[in-house]
Amino acid sequence: MRHSLVLFGAFALFLFIGTGEIRPQEESVTQDKIPKVVMDALLARFPKAKIDKCTKAKEFGTVVYDIEFKQEDRKWETDIKENGTYINYEKAIEAKDLPKVVSDAVEKRYPKSTLKESMEETEVMGKDEKLSAYEVVLATGDKKYVELKLSPDGKILEDTGARSQKKRSNRGRTRGRT
């Protein structure tokens, strides 16, 4: 058993060092440290952006800047590669502006939750832009916050609550083992 744990640990370390992609490490970036090409890209699309927060992380070998900002009293977020290429942007929207199919999927998954934030995500591919998802932050009945990412047709793409529930259930199953 001990030998297996050592081998597993070595394998996990190899994956982490070898790929560097297990979990991107985010690093806070002050506005004066954001590269000019990234700032130029941000301000070209959002000329009145007032930055609240910026982080950078290496994702699949590319440095990406995640910038949270306000423009004309609306919250926005964007991901921009270090070369100034947009990946996507998100804008805050009112709950009433969520498509019914998305609202219904949220209600079905977390029926006793309270919507705290909703964002509309647009994917940018060169000059083409496409509505790609909706992100919602919910306060659940047990006073926990979860984030859902849903496709425009209401399919749940990501659920932070499901991940934490899976971790809890996995911990519960392994606790009794020897």
C-alpha atoms as a PDB file:
ATOM      1  CA  MET A   1       0.000   0.000   0.000  1.00  0.00           C
ATOM      2  CA  ARG A   2       2.777   2.408   0.928  1.00  0.00           C
ATOM      3  CA  HIS A   3       4.597   1.635  -2.326  1.00  0.00           C
ATOM      4  CA  SER A   4       1.425   2.414  -4.293  1.00  0.00           C
ATOM      5  CA  LEU A   5       1.053   5.776  -2.568  1.00  0.00           C
ATOM      6  CA  VAL A   6       4.670   6.678  -3.347  1.00  0.00           C
ATOM      7  CA  LEU A   7       4.193   5.730  -7.011  1.00  0.00           C
ATOM      8  CA  PHE A   8       0.938   7.668  -7.207  1.00  0.00           C
ATOM      9  CA  GLY A   9       2.589  10.724  -5.634  1.00  0.00           C
ATOM     10  CA  ALA A  10       5.511  10.516  -8.054  1.00  0.00           C
ATOM     11  CA  PHE A  11       3.127  10.222 -10.997  1.00  0.00           C
ATOM     12  CA  ALA A  12       1.086  13.220  -9.822  1.00  0.00           C
ATOM     13  CA  LEU A  13       4.267  15.254  -9.359  1.00  0.00           C
ATOM     14  CA  PHE A  14       5.416  14.264 -12.854  1.00  0.00           C
ATOM     15  CA  LEU A  15       2.110  15.419 -14.324  1.00  0.00           C
ATOM     16  CA  PHE A  16       2.285  18.685 -12.438  1.00  0.00           C
ATOM     17  CA  ILE A  17       5.881  19.469 -13.379  1.00  0.00           C
ATOM     18  CA  GLY A  18       5.723  17.902 -16.825  1.00  0.00           C
ATOM     19  CA  THR A  19       2.640  19.671 -18.103  1.00  0.00           C
ATOM     20  CA  GLY A  20       2.238  22.666 -15.829  1.00  0.00           C
ATOM     21  CA  GLU A  21      -1.471  22.451 -16.686  1.00  0.00           C
ATOM     22  CA  ILE A  22      -3.047  20.731 -13.680  1.00  0.00           C
ATOM     23  CA  ARG A  23      -4.329  23.975 -12.211  1.00  0.00           C
ATOM     24  CA  PRO A  24      -3.410  27.400 -13.502  1.00  0.00           C
ATOM     25  CA  GLN A  25      -1.828  29.543 -10.806  1.00  0.00           C
ATOM     26  CA  GLU A  26      -3.439  32.970 -10.774  1.00  0.00           C
ATOM     27  CA  GLU A  27      -1.324  35.966  -9.932  1.00  0.00           C
ATOM     28  CA  SER A  28      -2.727  39.398  -9.077  1.00  0.00           C
ATOM     29  CA  VAL A  29      -1.634  42.148 -11.426  1.00  0.00           C
ATOM     30  CA  THR A  30      -1.814  45.871 -10.698  1.00  0.00           C
ATOM     31  CA  GLN A  31      -3.086  48.074 -13.507  1.00  0.00           C
ATOM     32  CA  ASP A  32       0.363  49.571 -14.129  1.00  0.00           C
ATOM     33  CA  LYS A  33       1.754  46.038 -14.713  1.00  0.00           C
ATOM     34  CA  ILE A  34      -0.808  45.053 -17.368  1.00  0.00           C
ATOM     35  CA  PRO A  35       1.032  44.928 -20.725  1.00  0.00           C
ATOM     36  CA  LYS A  36       0.312  47.831 -23.074  1.00  0.00           C
ATOM     37  CA  VAL A  37      -0.984  45.521 -25.813  1.00  0.00           C
ATOM     38  CA  VAL A  38      -3.543  44.051 -23.367  1.00  0.00           C
ATOM     39  CA  MET A  39      -4.613  47.508 -22.132  1.00  0.00           C
ATOM     40  CA  ASP A  40      -4.893  48.753 -25.719  1.00  0.00           C
ATOM     41  CA  ALA A  41      -7.137  45.785 -26.586  1.00  0.00           C
ATOM     42  CA  LEU A  42      -9.304  46.389 -23.504  1.00  0.00           C
ATOM     43  CA  LEU A  43      -9.711  50.106 -24.143  1.00  0.00           C
ATOM     44  CA  ALA A  44     -10.361  49.655 -27.870  1.00  0.00           C
ATOM     45  CA  ARG A  45     -13.481  47.630 -27.070  1.00  0.00           C
ATOM     46  CA  PHE A  46     -14.345  49.236 -23.707  1.00  0.00           C
ATOM     47  CA  PRO A  47     -13.061  52.841 -23.820  1.00  0.00           C
ATOM     48  CA  LYS A  48     -14.546  53.831 -20.436  1.00  0.00           C
ATOM     49  CA  ALA A  49     -13.382  50.728 -18.538  1.00  0.00           C
ATOM     50  CA  LYS A  50     -12.478  51.276 -14.884  1.00  0.00           C
ATOM     51  CA  ILE A  51     -10.501  48.238 -13.731  1.00  0.00           C
ATOM     52  CA  ASP A  52     -11.440  46.673 -10.395  1.00  0.00           C
ATOM     53  CA  LYS A  53      -9.230  43.591 -10.492  1.00  0.00           C
ATOM     54  CA  CYS A  54      -6.789  41.839 -12.788  1.00  0.00           C
ATOM     55  CA  THR A  55      -5.166  38.427 -12.551  1.00  0.00           C
ATOM     56  CA  LYS A  56      -2.978  36.517 -14.941  1.00  0.00           C
ATOM     57  CA  ALA A  57      -2.545  32.795 -15.356  1.00  0.00           C
ATOM     58  CA  LYS A  58      -0.933  30.458 -17.816  1.00  0.00           C
ATOM     59  CA  GLU A  59      -3.644  28.483 -19.596  1.00  0.00           C
ATOM     60  CA  PHE A  60      -2.579  25.801 -22.067  1.00  0.00           C
ATOM     61  CA  GLY A  61       0.806  27.439 -22.502  1.00  0.00           C
ATOM     62  CA  THR A  62      -0.510  30.978 -23.006  1.00  0.00           C
ATOM     63  CA  VAL A  63      -0.582  33.813 -20.474  1.00  0.00           C
ATOM     64  CA  VAL A  64      -4.144  35.117 -20.102  1.00  0.00           C
ATOM     65  CA  TYR A  65      -5.223  38.274 -18.290  1.00  0.00           C
ATOM     66  CA  ASP A  66      -8.592  38.070 -16.534  1.00  0.00           C
ATOM     67  CA  ILE A  67      -9.780  41.640 -16.058  1.00  0.00           C
ATOM     68  CA  GLU A  68     -12.822  42.642 -14.005  1.00  0.00           C
ATOM     69  CA  PHE A  69     -14.021  46.183 -14.617  1.00  0.00           C
ATOM     70  CA  LYS A  70     -16.962  48.549 -14.727  1.00  0.00           C
ATOM     71  CA  GLN A  71     -18.076  50.596 -17.670  1.00  0.00           C
ATOM     72  CA  GLU A  72     -20.953  52.995 -17.278  1.00  0.00           C
ATOM     73  CA  ASP A  73     -22.134  51.327 -14.032  1.00  0.00           C
ATOM     74  CA  ARG A  74     -22.211  47.830 -15.535  1.00  0.00           C
ATOM     75  CA  LYS A  75     -19.915  45.058 -14.342  1.00  0.00           C
ATOM     76  CA  TRP A  76     -17.828  43.352 -17.032  1.00  0.00           C
ATOM     77  CA  GLU A  77     -15.118  40.701 -17.158  1.00  0.00           C
ATOM     78  CA  THR A  78     -12.829  39.759 -20.013  1.00  0.00           C
ATOM     79  CA  ASP A  79     -10.064  37.296 -20.800  1.00  0.00           C
ATOM     80  CA  ILE A  80      -7.332  38.653 -23.050  1.00  0.00           C
ATOM     81  CA  LYS A  81      -4.188  36.802 -24.133  1.00  0.00           C
ATOM     82  CA  GLU A  82      -0.833  38.471 -23.527  1.00  0.00           C
ATOM     83  CA  ASN A  83      -0.663  39.337 -27.253  1.00  0.00           C
ATOM     84  CA  GLY A  84      -3.903  41.356 -27.020  1.00  0.00           C
ATOM     85  CA  THR A  85      -6.202  38.712 -28.516  1.00  0.00           C
ATOM     86  CA  TYR A  86      -9.632  38.454 -26.910  1.00  0.00           C
ATOM     87  CA  ILE A  87     -10.862  35.068 -25.726  1.00  0.00           C
ATOM     88  CA  ASN A  88     -14.211  36.240 -24.351  1.00  0.00           C
ATOM     89  CA  TYR A  89     -15.997  38.906 -22.393  1.00  0.00           C
ATOM     90  CA  GLU A  90     -18.895  38.823 -19.957  1.00  0.00           C
ATOM     91  CA  LYS A  91     -21.407  41.496 -19.029  1.00  0.00           C
ATOM     92  CA  ALA A  92     -23.646  41.610 -16.006  1.00  0.00           C
ATOM     93  CA  ILE A  93     -27.315  41.257 -16.804  1.00  0.00           C
ATOM     94  CA  GLU A  94     -30.494  41.374 -14.775  1.00  0.00           C
ATOM     95  CA  ALA A  95     -32.145  38.103 -13.777  1.00  0.00           C
ATOM     96  CA  LYS A  96     -35.186  39.044 -15.854  1.00  0.00           C
ATOM     97  CA  ASP A  97     -32.946  39.127 -18.940  1.00  0.00           C
ATOM     98  CA  LEU A  98     -31.898  35.478 -18.617  1.00  0.00           C
ATOM     99  CA  PRO A  99     -33.605  33.279 -21.223  1.00  0.00           C
ATOM    100  CA  LYS A 100     -36.482  31.260 -19.733  1.00  0.00           C
ATOM    101  CA  VAL A 101     -34.770  27.959 -20.560  1.00  0.00           C
ATOM    102  CA  VAL A 102     -31.698  29.085 -18.562  1.00  0.00           C
ATOM    103  CA  SER A 103     -33.777  30.323 -15.609  1.00  0.00           C
ATOM    104  CA  ASP A 104     -35.731  27.053 -15.610  1.00  0.00           C
ATOM    105  CA  ALA A 105     -32.514  24.976 -15.577  1.00  0.00           C
ATOM    106  CA  VAL A 106     -31.160  27.016 -12.658  1.00  0.00           C
ATOM    107  CA  GLU A 107     -34.423  26.629 -10.736  1.00  0.00           C
ATOM    108  CA  LYS A 108     -34.506  22.889 -11.388  1.00  0.00           C
ATOM    109  CA  ARG A 109     -30.906  22.367 -10.188  1.00  0.00           C
ATOM    110  CA  TYR A 110     -31.129  24.687  -7.138  1.00  0.00           C
ATOM    111  CA  PRO A 111     -34.829  25.217  -6.347  1.00  0.00           C
ATOM    112  CA  LYS A 112     -34.371  27.057  -3.049  1.00  0.00           C
ATOM    113  CA  SER A 113     -31.551  29.321  -4.165  1.00  0.00           C
ATOM    114  CA  THR A 114     -31.296  33.088  -4.530  1.00  0.00           C
ATOM    115  CA  LEU A 115     -29.712  34.579  -7.618  1.00  0.00           C
ATOM    116  CA  LYS A 116     -26.859  36.897  -6.640  1.00  0.00           C
ATOM    117  CA  GLU A 117     -25.259  37.622 -10.016  1.00  0.00           C
ATOM    118  CA  SER A 118     -25.823  36.780 -13.664  1.00  0.00           C
ATOM    119  CA  MET A 119     -23.466  37.332 -16.573  1.00  0.00           C
ATOM    120  CA  GLU A 120     -23.771  36.832 -20.308  1.00  0.00           C
ATOM    121  CA  GLU A 121     -20.601  35.432 -21.905  1.00  0.00           C
ATOM    122  CA  THR A 122     -19.588  36.186 -25.478  1.00  0.00           C
ATOM    123  CA  GLU A 123     -16.844  34.163 -27.138  1.00  0.00           C
ATOM    124  CA  VAL A 124     -14.562  36.093 -29.487  1.00  0.00           C
ATOM    125  CA  MET A 125     -12.999  34.313 -32.463  1.00  0.00           C
ATOM    126  CA  GLY A 126     -11.176  36.885 -34.563  1.00  0.00           C
ATOM    127  CA  LYS A 127     -13.853  39.252 -35.846  1.00  0.00           C
ATOM    128  CA  ASP A 128     -16.663  36.830 -35.032  1.00  0.00           C
ATOM    129  CA  GLU A 129     -18.483  37.019 -31.711  1.00  0.00           C
ATOM    130  CA  LYS A 130     -20.957  34.488 -30.422  1.00  0.00           C
ATOM    131  CA  LEU A 131     -23.065  34.281 -27.287  1.00  0.00           C
ATOM    132  CA  SER A 132     -21.517  31.231 -25.648  1.00  0.00           C
ATOM    133  CA  ALA A 133     -22.898  30.925 -22.112  1.00  0.00           C
ATOM    134  CA  TYR A 134     -24.554  32.382 -19.066  1.00  0.00           C
ATOM    135  CA  GLU A 135     -22.912  32.354 -15.652  1.00  0.00           C
ATOM    136  CA  VAL A 136     -24.932  32.701 -12.480  1.00  0.00           C
ATOM    137  CA  VAL A 137     -23.896  32.906  -8.847  1.00  0.00           C
ATOM    138  CA  LEU A 138     -26.425  31.554  -6.378  1.00  0.00           C
ATOM    139  CA  ALA A 139     -26.834  31.487  -2.623  1.00  0.00           C
ATOM    140  CA  THR A 140     -28.241  28.055  -1.814  1.00  0.00           C
ATOM    141  CA  GLY A 141     -30.657  27.145   0.948  1.00  0.00           C
ATOM    142  CA  ASP A 142     -27.754  25.950   3.102  1.00  0.00           C
ATOM    143  CA  LYS A 143     -26.074  29.386   2.781  1.00  0.00           C
ATOM    144  CA  LYS A 144     -23.352  28.317   0.347  1.00  0.00           C
ATOM    145  CA  TYR A 145     -22.469  30.020  -2.880  1.00  0.00           C
ATOM    146  CA  VAL A 146     -22.346  28.086  -6.127  1.00  0.00           C
ATOM    147  CA  GLU A 147     -21.644  29.139  -9.670  1.00  0.00           C
ATOM    148  CA  LEU A 148     -23.336  27.623 -12.687  1.00  0.00           C
ATOM    149  CA  LYS A 149     -22.282  28.023 -16.283  1.00  0.00           C
ATOM    150  CA  LEU A 150     -25.052  27.227 -18.736  1.00  0.00           C
ATOM    151  CA  SER A 151     -25.268  27.094 -22.510  1.00  0.00           C
ATOM    152  CA  PRO A 152     -27.783  29.442 -24.185  1.00  0.00           C
ATOM    153  CA  ASP A 153     -30.136  26.449 -24.522  1.00  0.00           C
ATOM    154  CA  GLY A 154     -30.062  25.787 -20.746  1.00  0.00           C
ATOM    155  CA  LYS A 155     -27.615  22.868 -20.579  1.00  0.00           C
ATOM    156  CA  ILE A 156     -25.457  23.007 -17.435  1.00  0.00           C
ATOM    157  CA  LEU A 157     -21.803  23.153 -18.495  1.00  0.00           C
ATOM    158  CA  GLU A 158     -20.214  23.696 -15.074  1.00  0.00           C
ATOM    159  CA  ASP A 159     -21.501  23.528 -11.516  1.00  0.00           C
ATOM    160  CA  THR A 160     -19.196  24.384  -8.618  1.00  0.00           C
ATOM    161  CA  GLY A 161     -21.766  22.952  -6.214  1.00  0.00           C
ATOM    162  CA  ALA A 162     -21.657  19.561  -7.945  1.00  0.00           C
ATOM    163  CA  ARG A 163     -17.863  19.519  -7.672  1.00  0.00           C
ATOM    164  CA  SER A 164     -17.918  20.219  -3.932  1.00  0.00           C
ATOM    165  CA  GLN A 165     -20.699  17.646  -3.420  1.00  0.00           C
ATOM    166  CA  LYS A 166     -18.644  15.083  -5.333  1.00  0.00           C
ATOM    167  CA  LYS A 167     -15.596  15.840  -3.166  1.00  0.00           C
ATOM    168  CA  ARG A 168     -17.689  15.455  -0.007  1.00  0.00           C
ATOM    169  CA  SER A 169     -19.156  12.141  -1.175  1.00  0.00           C
ATOM    170  CA  ASN A 170     -15.709  10.845  -2.204  1.00  0.00           C
ATOM    171  CA  ARG A 171     -14.293  11.791   1.194  1.00  0.00           C
ATOM    172  CA  GLY A 172     -17.151   9.983   2.868  1.00  0.00           C
ATOM    173  CA  ARG A 173     -16.505   6.799   0.887  1.00  0.00           C
ATOM    174  CA  THR A 174     -12.755   6.714   1.498  1.00  0.00           C
ATOM    175  CA  ARG A 175     -12.866   7.557   5.191  1.00  0.00           C
ATOM    176  CA  GLY A 176     -14.000   4.057   6.191  1.00  0.00           C
ATOM    177  CA  ARG A 177     -11.355   2.264   4.112  1.00  0.00           C
ATOM    178  CA  THR A 178      -8.191   0.809   5.591  1.00  0.00           C
END
